Protein backbone atom coordinates (compact mmCIF):
# COMPACT_ATOMS: atom_id res chain seq x y z
CA UNK A 1 0.00 0.00 0.00
CA UNK A 2 0.96 3.68 0.05
CA UNK A 3 3.45 5.49 2.27
CA UNK A 4 1.72 8.70 3.36
CA UNK A 5 3.22 11.64 5.22
CA UNK A 6 0.53 13.45 7.22
CA UNK A 7 1.41 17.04 8.15
CA UNK A 8 -0.36 18.26 11.30
CA UNK A 9 -1.42 14.64 11.72
CA UNK A 10 -1.53 14.94 15.50
CA UNK A 11 -4.37 17.52 15.37
CA UNK A 12 -8.02 16.48 15.61
CA UNK A 13 -9.83 15.68 13.31
CA UNK A 14 -6.72 14.81 11.30
CA UNK A 15 -5.75 12.12 13.84
CA UNK A 16 -8.91 10.17 13.02
CA UNK A 17 -8.23 10.43 9.28
CA UNK A 18 -4.68 9.15 9.79
CA UNK A 19 -5.96 6.20 11.84
CA UNK A 20 -8.50 5.43 9.11
CA UNK A 21 -5.75 5.41 6.46
CA UNK A 22 -3.68 3.07 8.64
CA UNK A 23 -6.60 0.68 9.14
CA UNK A 24 -7.05 0.67 5.35
CA UNK A 25 -3.54 -0.73 4.96
CA UNK A 26 -1.60 2.47 4.25
CA UNK A 27 1.44 3.50 6.22
CA UNK A 28 0.63 6.87 7.75
CA UNK A 29 3.49 8.85 9.27
CA UNK A 30 2.13 11.88 11.16
CA UNK A 31 4.40 14.88 11.73
CA UNK A 32 3.66 18.01 13.73
CA UNK A 33 4.15 20.69 11.08
CA UNK A 34 5.52 21.60 7.68
CA UNK A 35 8.99 22.24 9.03
CA UNK A 36 9.23 18.69 10.38
CA UNK A 37 7.74 17.40 7.12
CA UNK A 38 10.50 19.07 5.09
CA UNK A 39 13.14 17.35 7.26
CA UNK A 40 11.44 13.96 6.83
CA UNK A 41 11.05 14.45 3.05
CA UNK A 42 14.77 15.08 2.70
CA UNK A 43 15.40 11.60 4.14
CA UNK A 44 12.51 9.49 2.83
CA UNK A 45 10.24 9.22 -0.19
CA UNK A 46 6.47 9.14 0.23
CA UNK A 47 3.72 8.38 -2.26
CA UNK A 48 1.60 11.24 -0.96
CA UNK A 49 1.51 14.07 1.53
CA UNK A 50 -1.73 14.90 3.30
CA UNK A 51 -1.43 18.44 4.60
CA UNK A 52 -3.88 19.52 7.29
CA UNK A 53 -3.76 23.31 7.08
CA UNK A 54 -3.78 24.94 10.52
CA UNK A 55 -1.91 28.22 9.91
CA UNK A 56 -2.43 29.23 6.25
CA UNK A 57 0.43 31.72 6.01
CA UNK A 58 3.09 29.54 7.67
CA UNK A 59 1.76 26.31 6.14
CA UNK A 60 1.76 27.76 2.59
CA UNK A 61 5.48 28.48 2.87
CA UNK A 62 6.18 24.97 4.19
CA UNK A 63 4.02 23.41 1.47
CA UNK A 64 6.02 25.21 -1.21
CA UNK A 65 9.29 24.00 0.30
CA UNK A 66 8.00 20.40 0.35
CA UNK A 67 7.00 20.59 -3.32
CA UNK A 68 10.51 21.75 -4.18
CA UNK A 69 11.96 18.71 -2.36
CA UNK A 70 9.83 16.09 -4.13
CA UNK A 71 8.21 17.25 -7.35
CA UNK A 72 6.69 13.85 -8.14
CA UNK A 73 4.55 13.64 -5.02
CA UNK A 74 0.79 13.93 -4.69
CA UNK A 75 -0.29 16.54 -2.14
CA UNK A 76 -3.76 16.46 -0.61
CA UNK A 77 -4.69 19.65 1.24
CA UNK A 78 -7.26 19.56 4.02
CA UNK A 79 -8.24 22.89 5.46
CA UNK A 80 -10.94 25.19 6.57
CA UNK A 81 -12.31 28.38 5.14
CA UNK A 82 -11.47 31.53 7.03
CA UNK A 83 -13.93 34.39 6.77
CA UNK A 84 -15.86 32.63 4.01
CA UNK A 85 -12.92 32.09 1.65
CA UNK A 86 -10.09 29.66 1.11
CA UNK A 87 -6.89 31.36 2.37
CA UNK A 88 -4.72 29.38 -0.07
CA UNK A 89 -6.85 29.96 -3.19
CA UNK A 90 -4.85 31.41 -6.03
CA UNK A 91 -1.57 31.24 -4.11
CA UNK A 92 1.63 30.29 -5.92
CA UNK A 93 4.92 28.97 -4.69
CA UNK A 94 7.83 31.36 -5.17
PDB file of N, CA and C in Angstrom:
ATOM      1  N   UNK A   1       0.829  -1.187   0.000  1.00  0.00           N
ATOM      2  CA  UNK A   1       0.000   0.000   0.000  1.00  0.00           C
ATOM      3  C   UNK A   1       0.875   1.255   0.000  1.00  0.00           C
ATOM      4  N   UNK A   2       0.277   2.386   0.164  1.00  0.00           N
ATOM      5  CA  UNK A   2       0.957   3.681   0.055  1.00  0.00           C
ATOM      6  C   UNK A   2       1.650   4.098   1.346  1.00  0.00           C
ATOM      7  N   UNK A   3       2.750   4.833   1.159  1.00  0.00           N
ATOM      8  CA  UNK A   3       3.451   5.493   2.266  1.00  0.00           C
ATOM      9  C   UNK A   3       2.983   6.943   2.251  1.00  0.00           C
ATOM     10  N   UNK A   4       2.317   7.376   3.322  1.00  0.00           N
ATOM     11  CA  UNK A   4       1.717   8.703   3.356  1.00  0.00           C
ATOM     12  C   UNK A   4       2.298   9.503   4.514  1.00  0.00           C
ATOM     13  N   UNK A   5       2.759  10.705   4.206  1.00  0.00           N
ATOM     14  CA  UNK A   5       3.220  11.638   5.224  1.00  0.00           C
ATOM     15  C   UNK A   5       2.044  12.560   5.546  1.00  0.00           C
ATOM     16  N   UNK A   6       1.697  12.667   6.806  1.00  0.00           N
ATOM     17  CA  UNK A   6       0.531  13.450   7.216  1.00  0.00           C
ATOM     18  C   UNK A   6       1.000  14.629   8.067  1.00  0.00           C
ATOM     19  N   UNK A   7       0.959  15.821   7.474  1.00  0.00           N
ATOM     20  CA  UNK A   7       1.407  17.035   8.150  1.00  0.00           C
ATOM     21  C   UNK A   7       0.279  17.561   9.033  1.00  0.00           C
ATOM     22  N   UNK A   8       0.607  17.893  10.268  1.00  0.00           N
ATOM     23  CA  UNK A   8      -0.360  18.262  11.300  1.00  0.00           C
ATOM     24  C   UNK A   8      -1.239  17.060  11.640  1.00  0.00           C
ATOM     25  N   UNK A   9      -0.680  15.882  11.500  1.00  0.00           N
ATOM     26  CA  UNK A   9      -1.419  14.643  11.725  1.00  0.00           C
ATOM     27  C   UNK A   9      -1.757  14.358  13.171  1.00  0.00           C
ATOM     28  N   UNK A  10      -1.222  15.145  14.087  1.00  0.00           N
ATOM     29  CA  UNK A  10      -1.529  14.942  15.503  1.00  0.00           C
ATOM     30  C   UNK A  10      -2.698  15.811  15.958  1.00  0.00           C
ATOM     31  N   UNK A  11      -3.269  16.609  15.046  1.00  0.00           N
ATOM     32  CA  UNK A  11      -4.366  17.523  15.373  1.00  0.00           C
ATOM     33  C   UNK A  11      -5.694  16.851  15.032  1.00  0.00           C
ATOM     34  N   UNK A  12      -6.670  16.955  15.951  1.00  0.00           N
ATOM     35  CA  UNK A  12      -8.021  16.476  15.614  1.00  0.00           C
ATOM     36  C   UNK A  12      -8.627  17.434  14.618  1.00  0.00           C
ATOM     37  N   UNK A  13      -9.388  17.026  13.630  1.00  0.00           N
ATOM     38  CA  UNK A  13      -9.827  15.675  13.314  1.00  0.00           C
ATOM     39  C   UNK A  13      -8.845  14.892  12.449  1.00  0.00           C
ATOM     40  N   UNK A  14      -7.674  15.468  12.175  1.00  0.00           N
ATOM     41  CA  UNK A  14      -6.718  14.807  11.299  1.00  0.00           C
ATOM     42  C   UNK A  14      -6.216  13.492  11.869  1.00  0.00           C
ATOM     43  N   UNK A  15      -6.160  13.379  13.206  1.00  0.00           N
ATOM     44  CA  UNK A  15      -5.747  12.117  13.838  1.00  0.00           C
ATOM     45  C   UNK A  15      -6.653  10.974  13.397  1.00  0.00           C
ATOM     46  N   UNK A  16      -7.944  11.222  13.406  1.00  0.00           N
ATOM     47  CA  UNK A  16      -8.912  10.169  13.017  1.00  0.00           C
ATOM     48  C   UNK A  16      -8.707   9.756  11.569  1.00  0.00           C
ATOM     49  N   UNK A  17      -8.441  10.734  10.690  1.00  0.00           N
ATOM     50  CA  UNK A  17      -8.227  10.434   9.278  1.00  0.00           C
ATOM     51  C   UNK A  17      -6.966   9.593   9.103  1.00  0.00           C
ATOM     52  N   UNK A  18      -5.926   9.915   9.850  1.00  0.00           N
ATOM     53  CA  UNK A  18      -4.676   9.153   9.791  1.00  0.00           C
ATOM     54  C   UNK A  18      -4.901   7.719  10.270  1.00  0.00           C
ATOM     55  N   UNK A  19      -5.655   7.551  11.352  1.00  0.00           N
ATOM     56  CA  UNK A  19      -5.964   6.198  11.837  1.00  0.00           C
ATOM     57  C   UNK A  19      -6.767   5.422  10.806  1.00  0.00           C
ATOM     58  N   UNK A  20      -7.705   6.088  10.143  1.00  0.00           N
ATOM     59  CA  UNK A  20      -8.504   5.429   9.109  1.00  0.00           C
ATOM     60  C   UNK A  20      -7.615   4.964   7.957  1.00  0.00           C
ATOM     61  N   UNK A  21      -6.681   5.806   7.528  1.00  0.00           N
ATOM     62  CA  UNK A  21      -5.753   5.414   6.462  1.00  0.00           C
ATOM     63  C   UNK A  21      -4.925   4.204   6.891  1.00  0.00           C
ATOM     64  N   UNK A  22      -4.475   4.200   8.135  1.00  0.00           N
ATOM     65  CA  UNK A  22      -3.679   3.073   8.642  1.00  0.00           C
ATOM     66  C   UNK A  22      -4.491   1.786   8.666  1.00  0.00           C
ATOM     67  N   UNK A  23      -5.743   1.876   9.111  1.00  0.00           N
ATOM     68  CA  UNK A  23      -6.603   0.679   9.138  1.00  0.00           C
ATOM     69  C   UNK A  23      -6.891   0.172   7.724  1.00  0.00           C
ATOM     70  N   UNK A  24      -6.810   1.061   6.738  1.00  0.00           N
ATOM     71  CA  UNK A  24      -7.051   0.667   5.348  1.00  0.00           C
ATOM     72  C   UNK A  24      -5.810   0.071   4.696  1.00  0.00           C
ATOM     73  N   UNK A  25      -4.731  -0.073   5.473  1.00  0.00           N
ATOM     74  CA  UNK A  25      -3.535  -0.729   4.958  1.00  0.00           C
ATOM     75  C   UNK A  25      -2.427   0.206   4.516  1.00  0.00           C
ATOM     76  N   UNK A  26      -2.637   1.509   4.622  1.00  0.00           N
ATOM     77  CA  UNK A  26      -1.601   2.468   4.248  1.00  0.00           C
ATOM     78  C   UNK A  26      -0.695   2.726   5.447  1.00  0.00           C
ATOM     79  N   UNK A  27       0.541   3.085   5.166  1.00  0.00           N
ATOM     80  CA  UNK A  27       1.442   3.499   6.217  1.00  0.00           C
ATOM     81  C   UNK A  27       1.307   5.000   6.355  1.00  0.00           C
ATOM     82  N   UNK A  28       0.874   5.452   7.508  1.00  0.00           N
ATOM     83  CA  UNK A  28       0.630   6.871   7.754  1.00  0.00           C
ATOM     84  C   UNK A  28       1.634   7.364   8.788  1.00  0.00           C
ATOM     85  N   UNK A  29       2.487   8.287   8.373  1.00  0.00           N
ATOM     86  CA  UNK A  29       3.492   8.846   9.267  1.00  0.00           C
ATOM     87  C   UNK A  29       3.101  10.278   9.615  1.00  0.00           C
ATOM     88  N   UNK A  30       2.509  10.516  10.798  1.00  0.00           N
ATOM     89  CA  UNK A  30       2.132  11.879  11.161  1.00  0.00           C
ATOM     90  C   UNK A  30       3.332  12.685  11.661  1.00  0.00           C
ATOM     91  N   UNK A  31       3.406  13.939  11.223  1.00  0.00           N
ATOM     92  CA  UNK A  31       4.404  14.876  11.735  1.00  0.00           C
ATOM     93  C   UNK A  31       3.669  16.123  12.220  1.00  0.00           C
ATOM     94  N   UNK A  32       4.327  16.889  13.073  1.00  0.00           N
ATOM     95  CA  UNK A  32       3.665  18.006  13.730  1.00  0.00           C
ATOM     96  C   UNK A  32       3.413  19.217  12.841  1.00  0.00           C
ATOM     97  N   UNK A  33       4.317  19.487  11.890  1.00  0.00           N
ATOM     98  CA  UNK A  33       4.147  20.688  11.084  1.00  0.00           C
ATOM     99  C   UNK A  33       4.942  20.568   9.785  1.00  0.00           C
ATOM    100  N   UNK A  34       4.836  21.603   8.963  1.00  0.00           N
ATOM    101  CA  UNK A  34       5.516  21.599   7.678  1.00  0.00           C
ATOM    102  C   UNK A  34       7.025  21.610   7.787  1.00  0.00           C
ATOM    103  N   UNK A  35       7.540  22.213   8.841  1.00  0.00           N
ATOM    104  CA  UNK A  35       8.995  22.241   9.030  1.00  0.00           C
ATOM    105  C   UNK A  35       9.520  20.829   9.270  1.00  0.00           C
ATOM    106  N   UNK A  36       8.840  20.083  10.140  1.00  0.00           N
ATOM    107  CA  UNK A  36       9.233  18.695  10.384  1.00  0.00           C
ATOM    108  C   UNK A  36       9.044  17.849   9.128  1.00  0.00           C
ATOM    109  N   UNK A  37       7.991  18.137   8.364  1.00  0.00           N
ATOM    110  CA  UNK A  37       7.742  17.397   7.123  1.00  0.00           C
ATOM    111  C   UNK A  37       8.880  17.586   6.130  1.00  0.00           C
ATOM    112  N   UNK A  38       9.389  18.805   6.019  1.00  0.00           N
ATOM    113  CA  UNK A  38      10.497  19.067   5.091  1.00  0.00           C
ATOM    114  C   UNK A  38      11.733  18.262   5.482  1.00  0.00           C
ATOM    115  N   UNK A  39      11.995  18.147   6.782  1.00  0.00           N
ATOM    116  CA  UNK A  39      13.140  17.352   7.264  1.00  0.00           C
ATOM    117  C   UNK A  39      12.946  15.884   6.892  1.00  0.00           C
ATOM    118  N   UNK A  40      11.742  15.368   7.124  1.00  0.00           N
ATOM    119  CA  UNK A  40      11.444  13.960   6.832  1.00  0.00           C
ATOM    120  C   UNK A  40      11.523  13.699   5.327  1.00  0.00           C
ATOM    121  N   UNK A  41      11.025  14.639   4.505  1.00  0.00           N
ATOM    122  CA  UNK A  41      11.045  14.449   3.047  1.00  0.00           C
ATOM    123  C   UNK A  41      12.457  14.460   2.478  1.00  0.00           C
ATOM    124  N   UNK A  42      13.378  15.108   3.166  1.00  0.00           N
ATOM    125  CA  UNK A  42      14.771  15.081   2.698  1.00  0.00           C
ATOM    126  C   UNK A  42      15.379  13.687   2.874  1.00  0.00           C
ATOM    127  N   UNK A  43      14.842  12.904   3.824  1.00  0.00           N
ATOM    128  CA  UNK A  43      15.405  11.596   4.137  1.00  0.00           C
ATOM    129  C   UNK A  43      14.649  10.441   3.486  1.00  0.00           C
ATOM    130  N   UNK A  44      13.351  10.595   3.280  1.00  0.00           N
ATOM    131  CA  UNK A  44      12.506   9.486   2.827  1.00  0.00           C
ATOM    132  C   UNK A  44      11.606   9.925   1.677  1.00  0.00           C
ATOM    133  N   UNK A  45      11.206   8.950   0.877  1.00  0.00           N
ATOM    134  CA  UNK A  45      10.244   9.216  -0.193  1.00  0.00           C
ATOM    135  C   UNK A  45       8.863   8.738   0.252  1.00  0.00           C
ATOM    136  N   UNK A  46       7.860   9.505  -0.062  1.00  0.00           N
ATOM    137  CA  UNK A  46       6.473   9.143   0.232  1.00  0.00           C
ATOM    138  C   UNK A  46       5.675   9.172  -1.053  1.00  0.00           C
ATOM    139  N   UNK A  47       4.613   8.380  -1.100  1.00  0.00           N
ATOM    140  CA  UNK A  47       3.723   8.375  -2.255  1.00  0.00           C
ATOM    141  C   UNK A  47       2.810   9.594  -2.266  1.00  0.00           C
ATOM    142  N   UNK A  48       2.499  10.091  -1.071  1.00  0.00           N
ATOM    143  CA  UNK A  48       1.598  11.236  -0.960  1.00  0.00           C
ATOM    144  C   UNK A  48       1.855  11.980   0.338  1.00  0.00           C
ATOM    145  N   UNK A  49       1.497  13.247   0.322  1.00  0.00           N
ATOM    146  CA  UNK A  49       1.508  14.065   1.528  1.00  0.00           C
ATOM    147  C   UNK A  49       0.085  14.563   1.734  1.00  0.00           C
ATOM    148  N   UNK A  50      -0.450  14.314   2.921  1.00  0.00           N
ATOM    149  CA  UNK A  50      -1.732  14.897   3.304  1.00  0.00           C
ATOM    150  C   UNK A  50      -1.385  16.047   4.240  1.00  0.00           C
ATOM    151  N   UNK A  51      -1.814  17.242   3.865  1.00  0.00           N
ATOM    152  CA  UNK A  51      -1.434  18.444   4.595  1.00  0.00           C
ATOM    153  C   UNK A  51      -2.676  19.041   5.238  1.00  0.00           C
ATOM    154  N   UNK A  52      -2.776  18.910   6.553  1.00  0.00           N
ATOM    155  CA  UNK A  52      -3.881  19.523   7.291  1.00  0.00           C
ATOM    156  C   UNK A  52      -3.517  20.961   7.624  1.00  0.00           C
ATOM    157  N   UNK A  53      -4.111  21.901   6.914  1.00  0.00           N
ATOM    158  CA  UNK A  53      -3.760  23.310   7.080  1.00  0.00           C
ATOM    159  C   UNK A  53      -4.300  23.834   8.414  1.00  0.00           C
ATOM    160  N   UNK A  54      -3.401  24.338   9.243  1.00  0.00           N
ATOM    161  CA  UNK A  54      -3.775  24.940  10.517  1.00  0.00           C
ATOM    162  C   UNK A  54      -3.469  26.437  10.520  1.00  0.00           C
ATOM    163  N   UNK A  55      -2.325  26.817   9.993  1.00  0.00           N
ATOM    164  CA  UNK A  55      -1.912  28.216   9.914  1.00  0.00           C
ATOM    165  C   UNK A  55      -1.615  28.510   8.441  1.00  0.00           C
ATOM    166  N   UNK A  56      -2.576  29.085   7.701  1.00  0.00           N
ATOM    167  CA  UNK A  56      -2.434  29.226   6.246  1.00  0.00           C
ATOM    168  C   UNK A  56      -1.170  29.944   5.791  1.00  0.00           C
ATOM    169  N   UNK A  57      -0.741  30.971   6.467  1.00  0.00           N
ATOM    170  CA  UNK A  57       0.432  31.724   6.012  1.00  0.00           C
ATOM    171  C   UNK A  57       1.703  30.903   6.204  1.00  0.00           C
ATOM    172  N   UNK A  58       1.902  30.353   7.399  1.00  0.00           N
ATOM    173  CA  UNK A  58       3.093  29.538   7.668  1.00  0.00           C
ATOM    174  C   UNK A  58       3.046  28.241   6.865  1.00  0.00           C
ATOM    175  N   UNK A  59       1.871  27.597   6.820  1.00  0.00           N
ATOM    176  CA  UNK A  59       1.761  26.311   6.138  1.00  0.00           C
ATOM    177  C   UNK A  59       1.951  26.435   4.636  1.00  0.00           C
ATOM    178  N   UNK A  60       1.548  27.560   4.025  1.00  0.00           N
ATOM    179  CA  UNK A  60       1.765  27.756   2.586  1.00  0.00           C
ATOM    180  C   UNK A  60       3.255  27.747   2.275  1.00  0.00           C
ATOM    181  N   UNK A  61       4.036  28.438   3.086  1.00  0.00           N
ATOM    182  CA  UNK A  61       5.483  28.477   2.869  1.00  0.00           C
ATOM    183  C   UNK A  61       6.075  27.078   2.983  1.00  0.00           C
ATOM    184  N   UNK A  62       5.669  26.333   4.002  1.00  0.00           N
ATOM    185  CA  UNK A  62       6.175  24.975   4.191  1.00  0.00           C
ATOM    186  C   UNK A  62       5.746  24.057   3.050  1.00  0.00           C
ATOM    187  N   UNK A  63       4.514  24.224   2.579  1.00  0.00           N
ATOM    188  CA  UNK A  63       4.023  23.412   1.469  1.00  0.00           C
ATOM    189  C   UNK A  63       4.865  23.653   0.220  1.00  0.00           C
ATOM    190  N   UNK A  64       5.182  24.891  -0.048  1.00  0.00           N
ATOM    191  CA  UNK A  64       6.021  25.211  -1.210  1.00  0.00           C
ATOM    192  C   UNK A  64       7.396  24.576  -1.093  1.00  0.00           C
ATOM    193  N   UNK A  65       7.977  24.615   0.093  1.00  0.00           N
ATOM    194  CA  UNK A  65       9.289  23.996   0.300  1.00  0.00           C
ATOM    195  C   UNK A  65       9.226  22.485   0.073  1.00  0.00           C
ATOM    196  N   UNK A  66       8.148  21.845   0.537  1.00  0.00           N
ATOM    197  CA  UNK A  66       7.997  20.404   0.349  1.00  0.00           C
ATOM    198  C   UNK A  66       7.896  20.060  -1.130  1.00  0.00           C
ATOM    199  N   UNK A  67       7.154  20.867  -1.895  1.00  0.00           N
ATOM    200  CA  UNK A  67       7.002  20.593  -3.321  1.00  0.00           C
ATOM    201  C   UNK A  67       8.329  20.745  -4.055  1.00  0.00           C
ATOM    202  N   UNK A  68       9.189  21.608  -3.576  1.00  0.00           N
ATOM    203  CA  UNK A  68      10.513  21.753  -4.178  1.00  0.00           C
ATOM    204  C   UNK A  68      11.375  20.527  -3.894  1.00  0.00           C
ATOM    205  N   UNK A  69      11.161  19.886  -2.728  1.00  0.00           N
ATOM    206  CA  UNK A  69      11.957  18.714  -2.361  1.00  0.00           C
ATOM    207  C   UNK A  69      11.582  17.481  -3.175  1.00  0.00           C
ATOM    208  N   UNK A  70      10.293  17.264  -3.387  1.00  0.00           N
ATOM    209  CA  UNK A  70       9.829  16.088  -4.131  1.00  0.00           C
ATOM    210  C   UNK A  70       8.747  16.523  -5.106  1.00  0.00           C
ATOM    211  N   UNK A  71       9.144  16.746  -6.344  1.00  0.00           N
ATOM    212  CA  UNK A  71       8.213  17.249  -7.348  1.00  0.00           C
ATOM    213  C   UNK A  71       7.239  16.185  -7.848  1.00  0.00           C
ATOM    214  N   UNK A  72       7.536  14.925  -7.631  1.00  0.00           N
ATOM    215  CA  UNK A  72       6.686  13.850  -8.139  1.00  0.00           C
ATOM    216  C   UNK A  72       5.760  13.289  -7.059  1.00  0.00           C
ATOM    217  N   UNK A  73       5.356  14.122  -6.127  1.00  0.00           N
ATOM    218  CA  UNK A  73       4.548  13.644  -5.017  1.00  0.00           C
ATOM    219  C   UNK A  73       3.144  14.249  -5.085  1.00  0.00           C
ATOM    220  N   UNK A  74       2.159  13.449  -4.738  1.00  0.00           N
ATOM    221  CA  UNK A  74       0.789  13.927  -4.687  1.00  0.00           C
ATOM    222  C   UNK A  74       0.572  14.605  -3.337  1.00  0.00           C
ATOM    223  N   UNK A  75      -0.011  15.797  -3.367  1.00  0.00           N
ATOM    224  CA  UNK A  75      -0.295  16.537  -2.136  1.00  0.00           C
ATOM    225  C   UNK A  75      -1.804  16.719  -2.026  1.00  0.00           C
ATOM    226  N   UNK A  76      -2.341  16.288  -0.905  1.00  0.00           N
ATOM    227  CA  UNK A  76      -3.765  16.463  -0.606  1.00  0.00           C
ATOM    228  C   UNK A  76      -3.849  17.492   0.507  1.00  0.00           C
ATOM    229  N   UNK A  77      -4.589  18.572   0.257  1.00  0.00           N
ATOM    230  CA  UNK A  77      -4.687  19.648   1.243  1.00  0.00           C
ATOM    231  C   UNK A  77      -6.054  19.597   1.907  1.00  0.00           C
ATOM    232  N   UNK A  78      -6.038  19.501   3.229  1.00  0.00           N
ATOM    233  CA  UNK A  78      -7.257  19.556   4.023  1.00  0.00           C
ATOM    234  C   UNK A  78      -7.212  20.856   4.799  1.00  0.00           C
ATOM    235  N   UNK A  79      -8.260  21.624   4.746  1.00  0.00           N
ATOM    236  CA  UNK A  79      -8.239  22.891   5.458  1.00  0.00           C
ATOM    237  C   UNK A  79      -9.634  23.392   5.740  1.00  0.00           C
ATOM    238  N   UNK A  80      -9.661  24.578   6.250  1.00  0.00           N
ATOM    239  CA  UNK A  80     -10.936  25.194   6.574  1.00  0.00           C
ATOM    240  C   UNK A  80     -10.963  26.591   5.976  1.00  0.00           C
ATOM    241  N   UNK A  81     -12.159  27.026   5.641  1.00  0.00           N
ATOM    242  CA  UNK A  81     -12.308  28.381   5.137  1.00  0.00           C
ATOM    243  C   UNK A  81     -12.182  29.354   6.296  1.00  0.00           C
ATOM    244  N   UNK A  82     -11.605  30.491   6.021  1.00  0.00           N
ATOM    245  CA  UNK A  82     -11.466  31.531   7.033  1.00  0.00           C
ATOM    246  C   UNK A  82     -12.170  32.778   6.507  1.00  0.00           C
ATOM    247  N   UNK A  83     -13.191  33.209   7.210  1.00  0.00           N
ATOM    248  CA  UNK A  83     -13.926  34.388   6.773  1.00  0.00           C
ATOM    249  C   UNK A  83     -14.668  34.166   5.467  1.00  0.00           C
ATOM    250  N   UNK A  84     -15.075  32.924   5.202  1.00  0.00           N
ATOM    251  CA  UNK A  84     -15.856  32.634   4.007  1.00  0.00           C
ATOM    252  C   UNK A  84     -15.047  32.409   2.749  1.00  0.00           C
ATOM    253  N   UNK A  85     -13.721  32.370   2.844  1.00  0.00           N
ATOM    254  CA  UNK A  85     -12.923  32.088   1.647  1.00  0.00           C
ATOM    255  C   UNK A  85     -11.750  31.176   1.987  1.00  0.00           C
ATOM    256  N   UNK A  86     -11.232  30.555   0.959  1.00  0.00           N
ATOM    257  CA  UNK A  86     -10.094  29.662   1.112  1.00  0.00           C
ATOM    258  C   UNK A  86      -8.814  30.503   1.144  1.00  0.00           C
ATOM    259  N   UNK A  87      -8.073  30.498   2.250  1.00  0.00           N
ATOM    260  CA  UNK A  87      -6.894  31.356   2.366  1.00  0.00           C
ATOM    261  C   UNK A  87      -5.753  30.987   1.422  1.00  0.00           C
ATOM    262  N   UNK A  88      -5.777  29.792   0.842  1.00  0.00           N
ATOM    263  CA  UNK A  88      -4.721  29.378  -0.071  1.00  0.00           C
ATOM    264  C   UNK A  88      -5.134  29.495  -1.540  1.00  0.00           C
ATOM    265  N   UNK A  89      -6.367  29.873  -1.810  1.00  0.00           N
ATOM    266  CA  UNK A  89      -6.854  29.964  -3.188  1.00  0.00           C
ATOM    267  C   UNK A  89      -6.023  30.964  -3.973  1.00  0.00           C
ATOM    268  N   UNK A  90      -5.593  30.535  -5.137  1.00  0.00           N
ATOM    269  CA  UNK A  90      -4.851  31.414  -6.028  1.00  0.00           C
ATOM    270  C   UNK A  90      -3.408  31.667  -5.621  1.00  0.00           C
ATOM    271  N   UNK A  91      -2.934  31.025  -4.568  1.00  0.00           N
ATOM    272  CA  UNK A  91      -1.566  31.242  -4.107  1.00  0.00           C
ATOM    273  C   UNK A  91      -0.595  30.436  -4.968  1.00  0.00           C
ATOM    274  N   UNK A  92       0.586  30.973  -5.158  1.00  0.00           N
ATOM    275  CA  UNK A  92       1.628  30.290  -5.922  1.00  0.00           C
ATOM    276  C   UNK A  92       2.896  30.183  -5.090  1.00  0.00           C
ATOM    277  N   UNK A  93       3.639  29.123  -5.344  1.00  0.00           N
ATOM    278  CA  UNK A  93       4.924  28.970  -4.690  1.00  0.00           C
ATOM    279  C   UNK A  93       5.949  29.851  -5.386  1.00  0.00           C
ATOM    280  N   UNK A  94       6.781  30.499  -4.616  1.00  0.00           N
ATOM    281  CA  UNK A  94       7.831  31.363  -5.173  1.00  0.00           C
ATOM    282  C   UNK A  94       9.130  30.610  -5.258  1.00  0.00           C
TER     283      UNK A  94
END
